[in-house]
Amino acid sequence: MLPRGFDKRTAEPDVAVQGGALDDADFVGAADRVRYSVAVGDARGPFLVQAELLYQPIGYRWANNLKAYDKAAEPRRFTSYYDSMSAASTALLARTTLTILGSKDLRN
C-alpha cells in the first residue's frame, strides 16, 4: 500500500510503482481495492469471510531473495535476523469479518 499523499505518476525512479500497479486506478496513496473470487460450487452458505491487513517493514520475498547470497557474511547475518524476528515485526493494521448468507449474495 502506498503512503498517504504518494503520487505514483511523479515518484522518483528509485521508489516508483512498477508494472500493472501503475495503471491500477484504485491503487493510490493510503488506499487500494482488492477483489477475490472464490468458486463455491453447490455450497449454499452461510459463508464467513475474514480479512486482515498486516504491515511488515521488510517483505518476506525481499528478505528471502538475499538467501541466494549466503556465501557472504552480511546477507547470511541479515537473513538469520529476519528469520528470528519477522513474526514479531508484523503489525495488524485492520481486520474485518463479513457473513454472506447465501450463494446468490456472492454475485454482488
PDB file of N, CA and C in Angstrom:
ATOM      1  N   MET A   1       0.845  -1.158   0.000  1.00  0.00           N
ATOM      2  CA  MET A   1       0.000   0.000   0.000  1.00  0.00           C
ATOM      3  C   MET A   1       0.901   1.236   0.000  1.00  0.00           C
ATOM      4  N   LEU A   2       0.524   2.185  -0.773  1.00  0.00           N
ATOM      5  CA  LEU A   2       1.315   3.410  -0.885  1.00  0.00           C
ATOM      6  C   LEU A   2       1.054   4.332   0.294  1.00  0.00           C
ATOM      7  N   PRO A   3       2.038   5.133   0.681  1.00  0.00           N
ATOM      8  CA  PRO A   3       1.817   6.105   1.752  1.00  0.00           C
ATOM      9  C   PRO A   3       0.788   7.162   1.338  1.00  0.00           C
ATOM     10  N   ARG A   4       0.067   7.693   2.317  1.00  0.00           N
ATOM     11  CA  ARG A   4      -0.905   8.768   2.052  1.00  0.00           C
ATOM     12  C   ARG A   4      -0.187   9.928   1.364  1.00  0.00           C
ATOM     13  N   GLY A   5      -0.758  10.416   0.278  1.00  0.00           N
ATOM     14  CA  GLY A   5      -0.191  11.531  -0.463  1.00  0.00           C
ATOM     15  C   GLY A   5       0.820  11.139  -1.534  1.00  0.00           C
ATOM     16  N   PHE A   6       1.175   9.870  -1.614  1.00  0.00           N
ATOM     17  CA  PHE A   6       2.148   9.401  -2.603  1.00  0.00           C
ATOM     18  C   PHE A   6       1.523   9.473  -3.992  1.00  0.00           C
ATOM     19  N   ASP A   7       2.224  10.109  -4.928  1.00  0.00           N
ATOM     20  CA  ASP A   7       1.748  10.201  -6.307  1.00  0.00           C
ATOM     21  C   ASP A   7       2.594   9.271  -7.168  1.00  0.00           C
ATOM     22  N   LYS A   8       2.009   8.153  -7.567  1.00  0.00           N
ATOM     23  CA  LYS A   8       2.774   7.150  -8.308  1.00  0.00           C
ATOM     24  C   LYS A   8       3.186   7.633  -9.693  1.00  0.00           C
ATOM     25  N   ARG A   9       2.543   8.644 -10.218  1.00  0.00           N
ATOM     26  CA  ARG A   9       2.897   9.165 -11.555  1.00  0.00           C
ATOM     27  C   ARG A   9       4.116  10.074 -11.516  1.00  0.00           C
ATOM     28  N   THR A  10       4.401  10.677 -10.363  1.00  0.00           N
ATOM     29  CA  THR A  10       5.516  11.622 -10.294  1.00  0.00           C
ATOM     30  C   THR A  10       6.633  11.162  -9.357  1.00  0.00           C
ATOM     31  N   ALA A  11       6.549   9.940  -8.865  1.00  0.00           N
ATOM     32  CA  ALA A  11       7.550   9.434  -7.917  1.00  0.00           C
ATOM     33  C   ALA A  11       8.915   9.291  -8.582  1.00  0.00           C
ATOM     34  N   GLU A  12       9.948   9.476  -7.784  1.00  0.00           N
ATOM     35  CA  GLU A  12      11.317   9.297  -8.261  1.00  0.00           C
ATOM     36  C   GLU A  12      11.524   7.841  -8.683  1.00  0.00           C
ATOM     37  N   PRO A  13      12.397   7.586  -9.648  1.00  0.00           N
ATOM     38  CA  PRO A  13      12.585   6.222 -10.158  1.00  0.00           C
ATOM     39  C   PRO A  13      12.943   5.176  -9.102  1.00  0.00           C
ATOM     40  N   ASP A  14      13.673   5.571  -8.062  1.00  0.00           N
ATOM     41  CA  ASP A  14      14.089   4.572  -7.068  1.00  0.00           C
ATOM     42  C   ASP A  14      12.955   4.123  -6.149  1.00  0.00           C
ATOM     43  N   VAL A  15      11.813   4.820  -6.156  1.00  0.00           N
ATOM     44  CA  VAL A  15      10.647   4.393  -5.369  1.00  0.00           C
ATOM     45  C   VAL A  15       9.388   4.291  -6.235  1.00  0.00           C
ATOM     46  N   ALA A  16       9.558   4.359  -7.541  1.00  0.00           N
ATOM     47  CA  ALA A  16       8.418   4.374  -8.462  1.00  0.00           C
ATOM     48  C   ALA A  16       7.645   3.060  -8.437  1.00  0.00           C
ATOM     49  N   VAL A  17       6.357   3.154  -8.665  1.00  0.00           N
ATOM     50  CA  VAL A  17       5.493   1.987  -8.818  1.00  0.00           C
ATOM     51  C   VAL A  17       5.768   1.381 -10.184  1.00  0.00           C
ATOM     52  N   GLN A  18       5.850   0.058 -10.241  1.00  0.00           N
ATOM     53  CA  GLN A  18       6.185  -0.643 -11.470  1.00  0.00           C
ATOM     54  C   GLN A  18       5.047  -1.564 -11.900  1.00  0.00           C
ATOM     55  N   GLY A  19       5.074  -1.976 -13.159  1.00  0.00           N
ATOM     56  CA  GLY A  19       4.156  -2.988 -13.665  1.00  0.00           C
ATOM     57  C   GLY A  19       2.709  -2.531 -13.703  1.00  0.00           C
ATOM     58  N   GLY A  20       1.802  -3.508 -13.582  1.00  0.00           N
ATOM     59  CA  GLY A  20       0.371  -3.240 -13.678  1.00  0.00           C
ATOM     60  C   GLY A  20      -0.156  -2.317 -12.607  1.00  0.00           C
ATOM     61  N   ALA A  21       0.523  -2.240 -11.465  1.00  0.00           N
ATOM     62  CA  ALA A  21       0.066  -1.361 -10.381  1.00  0.00           C
ATOM     63  C   ALA A  21       0.079   0.107 -10.812  1.00  0.00           C
ATOM     64  N   LEU A  22       0.930   0.459 -11.762  1.00  0.00           N
ATOM     65  CA  LEU A  22       0.988   1.843 -12.231  1.00  0.00           C
ATOM     66  C   LEU A  22      -0.321   2.255 -12.899  1.00  0.00           C
ATOM     67  N   ASP A  23      -0.987   1.324 -13.577  1.00  0.00           N
ATOM     68  CA  ASP A  23      -2.246   1.630 -14.261  1.00  0.00           C
ATOM     69  C   ASP A  23      -3.480   1.236 -13.464  1.00  0.00           C
ATOM     70  N   ASP A  24      -3.300   0.755 -12.246  1.00  0.00           N
ATOM     71  CA  ASP A  24      -4.409   0.368 -11.374  1.00  0.00           C
ATOM     72  C   ASP A  24      -5.021   1.642 -10.789  1.00  0.00           C
ATOM     73  N   ALA A  25      -6.216   1.991 -11.231  1.00  0.00           N
ATOM     74  CA  ALA A  25      -6.845   3.271 -10.872  1.00  0.00           C
ATOM     75  C   ALA A  25      -7.106   3.418  -9.384  1.00  0.00           C
ATOM     76  N   ASP A  26      -7.353   2.325  -8.662  1.00  0.00           N
ATOM     77  CA  ASP A  26      -7.657   2.491  -7.236  1.00  0.00           C
ATOM     78  C   ASP A  26      -6.466   2.176  -6.330  1.00  0.00           C
ATOM     79  N   PHE A  27      -5.289   1.950  -6.911  1.00  0.00           N
ATOM     80  CA  PHE A  27      -4.064   1.787  -6.132  1.00  0.00           C
ATOM     81  C   PHE A  27      -3.436   3.162  -5.993  1.00  0.00           C
ATOM     82  N   VAL A  28      -3.826   3.867  -4.933  1.00  0.00           N
ATOM     83  CA  VAL A  28      -3.423   5.256  -4.716  1.00  0.00           C
ATOM     84  C   VAL A  28      -2.905   5.392  -3.288  1.00  0.00           C
ATOM     85  N   GLY A  29      -2.407   6.567  -2.953  1.00  0.00           N
ATOM     86  CA  GLY A  29      -1.887   6.808  -1.617  1.00  0.00           C
ATOM     87  C   GLY A  29      -2.896   6.439  -0.537  1.00  0.00           C
ATOM     88  N   ALA A  30      -2.496   5.543   0.357  1.00  0.00           N
ATOM     89  CA  ALA A  30      -3.263   5.100   1.532  1.00  0.00           C
ATOM     90  C   ALA A  30      -4.511   4.305   1.188  1.00  0.00           C
ATOM     91  N   ALA A  31      -4.622   3.782  -0.037  1.00  0.00           N
ATOM     92  CA  ALA A  31      -5.817   3.011  -0.375  1.00  0.00           C
ATOM     93  C   ALA A  31      -5.540   2.051  -1.524  1.00  0.00           C
ATOM     94  N   ASP A  32      -6.303   0.990  -1.525  1.00  0.00           N
ATOM     95  CA  ASP A  32      -6.321   0.061  -2.638  1.00  0.00           C
ATOM     96  C   ASP A  32      -7.555  -0.806  -2.470  1.00  0.00           C
ATOM     97  N   ARG A  33      -8.052  -1.309  -3.562  1.00  0.00           N
ATOM     98  CA  ARG A  33      -9.182  -2.232  -3.533  1.00  0.00           C
ATOM     99  C   ARG A  33      -8.712  -3.538  -4.148  1.00  0.00           C
ATOM    100  N   VAL A  34      -8.918  -4.611  -3.414  1.00  0.00           N
ATOM    101  CA  VAL A  34      -8.553  -5.937  -3.874  1.00  0.00           C
ATOM    102  C   VAL A  34      -9.825  -6.769  -3.916  1.00  0.00           C
ATOM    103  N   ARG A  35     -10.057  -7.433  -5.017  1.00  0.00           N
ATOM    104  CA  ARG A  35     -11.258  -8.257  -5.167  1.00  0.00           C
ATOM    105  C   ARG A  35     -10.832  -9.707  -5.334  1.00  0.00           C
ATOM    106  N   TYR A  36     -11.422 -10.567  -4.523  1.00  0.00           N
ATOM    107  CA  TYR A  36     -11.175 -12.005  -4.605  1.00  0.00           C
ATOM    108  C   TYR A  36     -12.428 -12.680  -5.128  1.00  0.00           C
ATOM    109  N   SER A  37     -12.237 -13.720  -5.900  1.00  0.00           N
ATOM    110  CA  SER A  37     -13.339 -14.513  -6.408  1.00  0.00           C
ATOM    111  C   SER A  37     -13.084 -15.958  -5.998  1.00  0.00           C
ATOM    112  N   VAL A  38     -14.056 -16.548  -5.314  1.00  0.00           N
ATOM    113  CA  VAL A  38     -13.902 -17.906  -4.808  1.00  0.00           C
ATOM    114  C   VAL A  38     -15.046 -18.757  -5.351  1.00  0.00           C
ATOM    115  N   ALA A  39     -14.703 -19.825  -6.044  1.00  0.00           N
ATOM    116  CA  ALA A  39     -15.725 -20.745  -6.542  1.00  0.00           C
ATOM    117  C   ALA A  39     -16.263 -21.549  -5.363  1.00  0.00           C
ATOM    118  N   VAL A  40     -17.584 -21.526  -5.152  1.00  0.00           N
ATOM    119  CA  VAL A  40     -18.185 -22.244  -4.033  1.00  0.00           C
ATOM    120  C   VAL A  40     -18.966 -23.469  -4.481  1.00  0.00           C
ATOM    121  N   GLY A  41     -18.995 -23.698  -5.786  1.00  0.00           N
ATOM    122  CA  GLY A  41     -19.704 -24.876  -6.287  1.00  0.00           C
ATOM    123  C   GLY A  41     -21.170 -24.841  -5.892  1.00  0.00           C
ATOM    124  N   ASP A  42     -21.656 -25.933  -5.349  1.00  0.00           N
ATOM    125  CA  ASP A  42     -23.060 -26.036  -4.944  1.00  0.00           C
ATOM    126  C   ASP A  42     -23.288 -25.618  -3.493  1.00  0.00           C
ATOM    127  N   ALA A  43     -22.249 -25.164  -2.814  1.00  0.00           N
ATOM    128  CA  ALA A  43     -22.395 -24.768  -1.410  1.00  0.00           C
ATOM    129  C   ALA A  43     -23.382 -23.615  -1.290  1.00  0.00           C
ATOM    130  N   ARG A  44     -24.180 -23.630  -0.247  1.00  0.00           N
ATOM    131  CA  ARG A  44     -25.222 -22.626  -0.074  1.00  0.00           C
ATOM    132  C   ARG A  44     -24.890 -21.587   0.992  1.00  0.00           C
ATOM    133  N   GLY A  45     -23.960 -21.841   1.857  1.00  0.00           N
ATOM    134  CA  GLY A  45     -23.647 -20.872   2.899  1.00  0.00           C
ATOM    135  C   GLY A  45     -24.456 -21.136   4.145  1.00  0.00           C
ATOM    136  N   PRO A  46     -24.386 -20.321   5.139  1.00  0.00           N
ATOM    137  CA  PRO A  46     -23.700 -19.022   5.108  1.00  0.00           C
ATOM    138  C   PRO A  46     -22.177 -19.180   5.048  1.00  0.00           C
ATOM    139  N   PHE A  47     -21.541 -18.148   4.528  1.00  0.00           N
ATOM    140  CA  PHE A  47     -20.094 -18.117   4.402  1.00  0.00           C
ATOM    141  C   PHE A  47     -19.546 -17.019   5.302  1.00  0.00           C
ATOM    142  N   LEU A  48     -18.486 -17.326   6.007  1.00  0.00           N
ATOM    143  CA  LEU A  48     -17.825 -16.345   6.858  1.00  0.00           C
ATOM    144  C   LEU A  48     -16.531 -15.941   6.169  1.00  0.00           C
ATOM    145  N   VAL A  49     -16.383 -14.660   5.875  1.00  0.00           N
ATOM    146  CA  VAL A  49     -15.193 -14.133   5.221  1.00  0.00           C
ATOM    147  C   VAL A  49     -14.468 -13.246   6.224  1.00  0.00           C
ATOM    148  N   GLN A  50     -13.192 -13.546   6.428  1.00  0.00           N
ATOM    149  CA  GLN A  50     -12.378 -12.746   7.340  1.00  0.00           C
ATOM    150  C   GLN A  50     -11.165 -12.240   6.571  1.00  0.00           C
ATOM    151  N   ALA A  51     -10.800 -10.992   6.801  1.00  0.00           N
ATOM    152  CA  ALA A  51      -9.629 -10.407   6.141  1.00  0.00           C
ATOM    153  C   ALA A  51      -8.829  -9.597   7.149  1.00  0.00           C
ATOM    154  N   GLU A  52      -7.518  -9.650   7.001  1.00  0.00           N
ATOM    155  CA  GLU A  52      -6.635  -8.864   7.838  1.00  0.00           C
ATOM    156  C   GLU A  52      -5.648  -8.117   6.947  1.00  0.00           C
ATOM    157  N   LEU A  53      -5.322  -6.907   7.332  1.00  0.00           N
ATOM    158  CA  LEU A  53      -4.281  -6.128   6.673  1.00  0.00           C
ATOM    159  C   LEU A  53      -3.108  -6.071   7.631  1.00  0.00           C
ATOM    160  N   LEU A  54      -2.004  -6.674   7.217  1.00  0.00           N
ATOM    161  CA  LEU A  54      -0.804  -6.725   8.048  1.00  0.00           C
ATOM    162  C   LEU A  54       0.276  -5.825   7.462  1.00  0.00           C
ATOM    163  N   TYR A  55       1.091  -5.264   8.327  1.00  0.00           N
ATOM    164  CA  TYR A  55       2.242  -4.472   7.900  1.00  0.00           C
ATOM    165  C   TYR A  55       3.505  -5.157   8.410  1.00  0.00           C
ATOM    166  N   GLN A  56       4.476  -5.275   7.540  1.00  0.00           N
ATOM    167  CA  GLN A  56       5.780  -5.780   7.936  1.00  0.00           C
ATOM    168  C   GLN A  56       6.808  -4.873   7.267  1.00  0.00           C
ATOM    169  N   PRO A  57       7.743  -4.319   8.029  1.00  0.00           N
ATOM    170  CA  PRO A  57       8.668  -3.332   7.472  1.00  0.00           C
ATOM    171  C   PRO A  57       9.570  -3.884   6.368  1.00  0.00           C
ATOM    172  N   ILE A  58       9.844  -5.172   6.387  1.00  0.00           N
ATOM    173  CA  ILE A  58      10.640  -5.794   5.332  1.00  0.00           C
ATOM    174  C   ILE A  58       9.858  -6.991   4.827  1.00  0.00           C
ATOM    175  N   GLY A  59       9.571  -7.016   3.533  1.00  0.00           N
ATOM    176  CA  GLY A  59       8.760  -8.069   2.966  1.00  0.00           C
ATOM    177  C   GLY A  59       9.465  -9.422   2.936  1.00  0.00           C
ATOM    178  N   TYR A  60       8.677 -10.469   3.081  1.00  0.00           N
ATOM    179  CA  TYR A  60       9.184 -11.837   3.075  1.00  0.00           C
ATOM    180  C   TYR A  60      10.008 -12.127   1.817  1.00  0.00           C
ATOM    181  N   ARG A  61       9.454 -11.814   0.662  1.00  0.00           N
ATOM    182  CA  ARG A  61      10.154 -12.122  -0.593  1.00  0.00           C
ATOM    183  C   ARG A  61      11.468 -11.359  -0.687  1.00  0.00           C
ATOM    184  N   TRP A  62      11.465 -10.083  -0.313  1.00  0.00           N
ATOM    185  CA  TRP A  62      12.684  -9.285  -0.393  1.00  0.00           C
ATOM    186  C   TRP A  62      13.761  -9.891   0.494  1.00  0.00           C
ATOM    187  N   ALA A  63      13.413 -10.215   1.725  1.00  0.00           N
ATOM    188  CA  ALA A  63      14.396 -10.774   2.660  1.00  0.00           C
ATOM    189  C   ALA A  63      14.897 -12.138   2.176  1.00  0.00           C
ATOM    190  N   ASN A  64      13.994 -12.968   1.694  1.00  0.00           N
ATOM    191  CA  ASN A  64      14.403 -14.308   1.268  1.00  0.00           C
ATOM    192  C   ASN A  64      15.185 -14.297  -0.035  1.00  0.00           C
ATOM    193  N   ASN A  65      15.029 -13.277  -0.854  1.00  0.00           N
ATOM    194  CA  ASN A  65      15.862 -13.162  -2.051  1.00  0.00           C
ATOM    195  C   ASN A  65      17.338 -13.028  -1.691  1.00  0.00           C
ATOM    196  N   LEU A  66      17.624 -12.505  -0.511  1.00  0.00           N
ATOM    197  CA  LEU A  66      19.017 -12.352  -0.070  1.00  0.00           C
ATOM    198  C   LEU A  66      19.671 -13.689   0.270  1.00  0.00           C
ATOM    199  N   LYS A  67      18.868 -14.725   0.488  1.00  0.00           N
ATOM    200  CA  LYS A  67      19.442 -16.028   0.841  1.00  0.00           C
ATOM    201  C   LYS A  67      20.291 -16.609  -0.287  1.00  0.00           C
ATOM    202  N   ALA A  68      20.082 -16.137  -1.499  1.00  0.00           N
ATOM    203  CA  ALA A  68      20.909 -16.589  -2.626  1.00  0.00           C
ATOM    204  C   ALA A  68      22.363 -16.142  -2.459  1.00  0.00           C
ATOM    205  N   TYR A  69      22.595 -15.153  -1.591  1.00  0.00           N
ATOM    206  CA  TYR A  69      23.939 -14.607  -1.382  1.00  0.00           C
ATOM    207  C   TYR A  69      24.518 -15.077  -0.051  1.00  0.00           C
ATOM    208  N   ASP A  70      24.170 -16.280   0.383  1.00  0.00           N
ATOM    209  CA  ASP A  70      24.553 -16.745   1.714  1.00  0.00           C
ATOM    210  C   ASP A  70      26.045 -17.058   1.869  1.00  0.00           C
ATOM    211  N   LYS A  71      26.807 -16.941   0.805  1.00  0.00           N
ATOM    212  CA  LYS A  71      28.263 -17.137   0.921  1.00  0.00           C
ATOM    213  C   LYS A  71      28.915 -15.933   1.606  1.00  0.00           C
ATOM    214  N   ALA A  72      28.256 -14.783   1.526  1.00  0.00           N
ATOM    215  CA  ALA A  72      28.785 -13.575   2.165  1.00  0.00           C
ATOM    216  C   ALA A  72      28.191 -13.429   3.569  1.00  0.00           C
ATOM    217  N   ALA A  73      28.977 -12.937   4.488  1.00  0.00           N
ATOM    218  CA  ALA A  73      28.565 -12.856   5.892  1.00  0.00           C
ATOM    219  C   ALA A  73      27.375 -11.919   6.110  1.00  0.00           C
ATOM    220  N   GLU A  74      27.354 -10.759   5.440  1.00  0.00           N
ATOM    221  CA  GLU A  74      26.307  -9.770   5.709  1.00  0.00           C
ATOM    222  C   GLU A  74      24.907 -10.276   5.346  1.00  0.00           C
ATOM    223  N   PRO A  75      24.706 -10.805   4.113  1.00  0.00           N
ATOM    224  CA  PRO A  75      23.367 -11.328   3.813  1.00  0.00           C
ATOM    225  C   PRO A  75      22.976 -12.499   4.716  1.00  0.00           C
ATOM    226  N   ARG A  76      23.919 -13.363   5.040  1.00  0.00           N
ATOM    227  CA  ARG A  76      23.633 -14.504   5.912  1.00  0.00           C
ATOM    228  C   ARG A  76      23.217 -14.017   7.302  1.00  0.00           C
ATOM    229  N   ARG A  77      23.922 -13.016   7.820  1.00  0.00           N
ATOM    230  CA  ARG A  77      23.590 -12.459   9.139  1.00  0.00           C
ATOM    231  C   ARG A  77      22.214 -11.787   9.089  1.00  0.00           C
ATOM    232  N   PHE A  78      21.976 -10.985   8.031  1.00  0.00           N
ATOM    233  CA  PHE A  78      20.683 -10.304   7.928  1.00  0.00           C
ATOM    234  C   PHE A  78      19.529 -11.297   7.855  1.00  0.00           C
ATOM    235  N   THR A  79      19.639 -12.317   7.010  1.00  0.00           N
ATOM    236  CA  THR A  79      18.531 -13.261   6.868  1.00  0.00           C
ATOM    237  C   THR A  79      18.324 -14.067   8.146  1.00  0.00           C
ATOM    238  N   SER A  80      19.381 -14.312   8.897  1.00  0.00           N
ATOM    239  CA  SER A  80      19.187 -15.001  10.184  1.00  0.00           C
ATOM    240  C   SER A  80      18.434 -14.094  11.153  1.00  0.00           C
ATOM    241  N   TYR A  81      18.745 -12.797  11.150  1.00  0.00           N
ATOM    242  CA  TYR A  81      17.984 -11.849  11.981  1.00  0.00           C
ATOM    243  C   TYR A  81      16.525 -11.810  11.536  1.00  0.00           C
ATOM    244  N   TYR A  82      16.336 -11.728  10.229  1.00  0.00           N
ATOM    245  CA  TYR A  82      14.976 -11.676   9.700  1.00  0.00           C
ATOM    246  C   TYR A  82      14.190 -12.923  10.108  1.00  0.00           C
ATOM    247  N   ASP A  83      14.789 -14.096   9.922  1.00  0.00           N
ATOM    248  CA  ASP A  83      14.101 -15.346  10.267  1.00  0.00           C
ATOM    249  C   ASP A  83      13.729 -15.399  11.740  1.00  0.00           C
ATOM    250  N   SER A  84      14.571 -14.870  12.598  1.00  0.00           N
ATOM    251  CA  SER A  84      14.286 -14.948  14.034  1.00  0.00           C
ATOM    252  C   SER A  84      13.313 -13.878  14.509  1.00  0.00           C
ATOM    253  N   MET A  85      13.167 -12.780  13.763  1.00  0.00           N
ATOM    254  CA  MET A  85      12.358 -11.653  14.242  1.00  0.00           C
ATOM    255  C   MET A  85      11.146 -11.309  13.381  1.00  0.00           C
ATOM    256  N   SER A  86      10.983 -11.914  12.212  1.00  0.00           N
ATOM    257  CA  SER A  86       9.944 -11.465  11.280  1.00  0.00           C
ATOM    258  C   SER A  86       8.541 -11.572  11.867  1.00  0.00           C
ATOM    259  N   ALA A  87       8.239 -12.633  12.586  1.00  0.00           N
ATOM    260  CA  ALA A  87       6.893 -12.772  13.152  1.00  0.00           C
ATOM    261  C   ALA A  87       6.598 -11.662  14.150  1.00  0.00           C
ATOM    262  N   ALA A  88       7.582 -11.260  14.924  1.00  0.00           N
ATOM    263  CA  ALA A  88       7.380 -10.209  15.932  1.00  0.00           C
ATOM    264  C   ALA A  88       7.312  -8.818  15.307  1.00  0.00           C
ATOM    265  N   SER A  89       7.793  -8.664  14.068  1.00  0.00           N
ATOM    266  CA  SER A  89       7.797  -7.335  13.456  1.00  0.00           C
ATOM    267  C   SER A  89       6.507  -7.028  12.698  1.00  0.00           C
ATOM    268  N   THR A  90       5.616  -8.003  12.582  1.00  0.00           N
ATOM    269  CA  THR A  90       4.362  -7.801  11.856  1.00  0.00           C
ATOM    270  C   THR A  90       3.348  -7.094  12.746  1.00  0.00           C
ATOM    271  N   ALA A  91       2.654  -6.104  12.177  1.00  0.00           N
ATOM    272  CA  ALA A  91       1.626  -5.365  12.921  1.00  0.00           C
ATOM    273  C   ALA A  91       0.292  -5.500  12.201  1.00  0.00           C
ATOM    274  N   LEU A  92      -0.750  -5.785  12.949  1.00  0.00           N
ATOM    275  CA  LEU A  92      -2.101  -5.842  12.408  1.00  0.00           C
ATOM    276  C   LEU A  92      -2.629  -4.420  12.279  1.00  0.00           C
ATOM    277  N   LEU A  93      -2.949  -3.988  11.066  1.00  0.00           N
ATOM    278  CA  LEU A  93      -3.459  -2.643  10.838  1.00  0.00           C
ATOM    279  C   LEU A  93      -4.981  -2.594  10.810  1.00  0.00           C
ATOM    280  N   ALA A  94      -5.601  -3.641  10.271  1.00  0.00           N
ATOM    281  CA  ALA A  94      -7.067  -3.656  10.174  1.00  0.00           C
ATOM    282  C   ALA A  94      -7.538  -5.103  10.076  1.00  0.00           C
ATOM    283  N   ARG A  95      -8.742  -5.337  10.550  1.00  0.00           N
ATOM    284  CA  ARG A  95      -9.355  -6.666  10.467  1.00  0.00           C
ATOM    285  C   ARG A  95     -10.853  -6.457  10.247  1.00  0.00           C
ATOM    286  N   THR A  96     -11.441  -7.298   9.400  1.00  0.00           N
ATOM    287  CA  THR A  96     -12.882  -7.231   9.195  1.00  0.00           C
ATOM    288  C   THR A  96     -13.427  -8.638   8.984  1.00  0.00           C
ATOM    289  N   THR A  97     -14.696  -8.797   9.295  1.00  0.00           N
ATOM    290  CA  THR A  97     -15.396 -10.068   9.125  1.00  0.00           C
ATOM    291  C   THR A  97     -16.733  -9.780   8.481  1.00  0.00           C
ATOM    292  N   LEU A  98     -17.120 -10.632   7.542  1.00  0.00           N
ATOM    293  CA  LEU A  98     -18.392 -10.480   6.835  1.00  0.00           C
ATOM    294  C   LEU A  98     -19.036 -11.845   6.720  1.00  0.00           C
ATOM    295  N   THR A  99     -20.331 -11.918   7.041  1.00  0.00           N
ATOM    296  CA  THR A  99     -21.081 -13.149   6.835  1.00  0.00           C
ATOM    297  C   THR A  99     -21.963 -12.973   5.613  1.00  0.00           C
ATOM    298  N   ILE A 100     -21.801 -13.878   4.663  1.00  0.00           N
ATOM    299  CA  ILE A 100     -22.620 -13.878   3.451  1.00  0.00           C
ATOM    300  C   ILE A 100     -23.620 -15.000   3.618  1.00  0.00           C
ATOM    301  N   LEU A 101     -24.900 -14.669   3.545  1.00  0.00           N
ATOM    302  CA  LEU A 101     -25.936 -15.637   3.900  1.00  0.00           C
ATOM    303  C   LEU A 101     -26.122 -16.740   2.882  1.00  0.00           C
ATOM    304  N   GLY A 102     -26.001 -16.448   1.608  1.00  0.00           N
ATOM    305  CA  GLY A 102     -26.210 -17.482   0.604  1.00  0.00           C
ATOM    306  C   GLY A 102     -25.409 -17.248  -0.640  1.00  0.00           C
ATOM    307  N   SER A 103     -25.347 -18.242  -1.529  1.00  0.00           N
ATOM    308  CA  SER A 103     -24.511 -18.115  -2.728  1.00  0.00           C
ATOM    309  C   SER A 103     -25.022 -17.040  -3.679  1.00  0.00           C
ATOM    310  N   LYS A 104     -26.321 -16.707  -3.660  1.00  0.00           N
ATOM    311  CA  LYS A 104     -26.822 -15.640  -4.532  1.00  0.00           C
ATOM    312  C   LYS A 104     -26.211 -14.299  -4.163  1.00  0.00           C
ATOM    313  N   ASP A 105     -25.846 -14.107  -2.878  1.00  0.00           N
ATOM    314  CA  ASP A 105     -25.229 -12.866  -2.436  1.00  0.00           C
ATOM    315  C   ASP A 105     -23.821 -12.705  -3.005  1.00  0.00           C
ATOM    316  N   LEU A 106     -23.185 -13.790  -3.422  1.00  0.00           N
ATOM    317  CA  LEU A 106     -21.808 -13.739  -3.906  1.00  0.00           C
ATOM    318  C   LEU A 106     -21.686 -13.080  -5.269  1.00  0.00           C
ATOM    319  N   ARG A 107     -22.766 -12.943  -5.983  1.00  0.00           N
ATOM    320  CA  ARG A 107     -22.702 -12.340  -7.318  1.00  0.00           C
ATOM    321  C   ARG A 107     -22.680 -10.819  -7.255  1.00  0.00           C
ATOM    322  N   ASN A 108     -22.901 -10.238  -6.121  1.00  0.00           N
ATOM    323  CA  ASN A 108     -22.971  -8.769  -5.989  1.00  0.00           C
ATOM    324  C   ASN A 108     -21.612  -8.173  -5.739  1.00  0.00           C
TER     325      ASN A 108
END
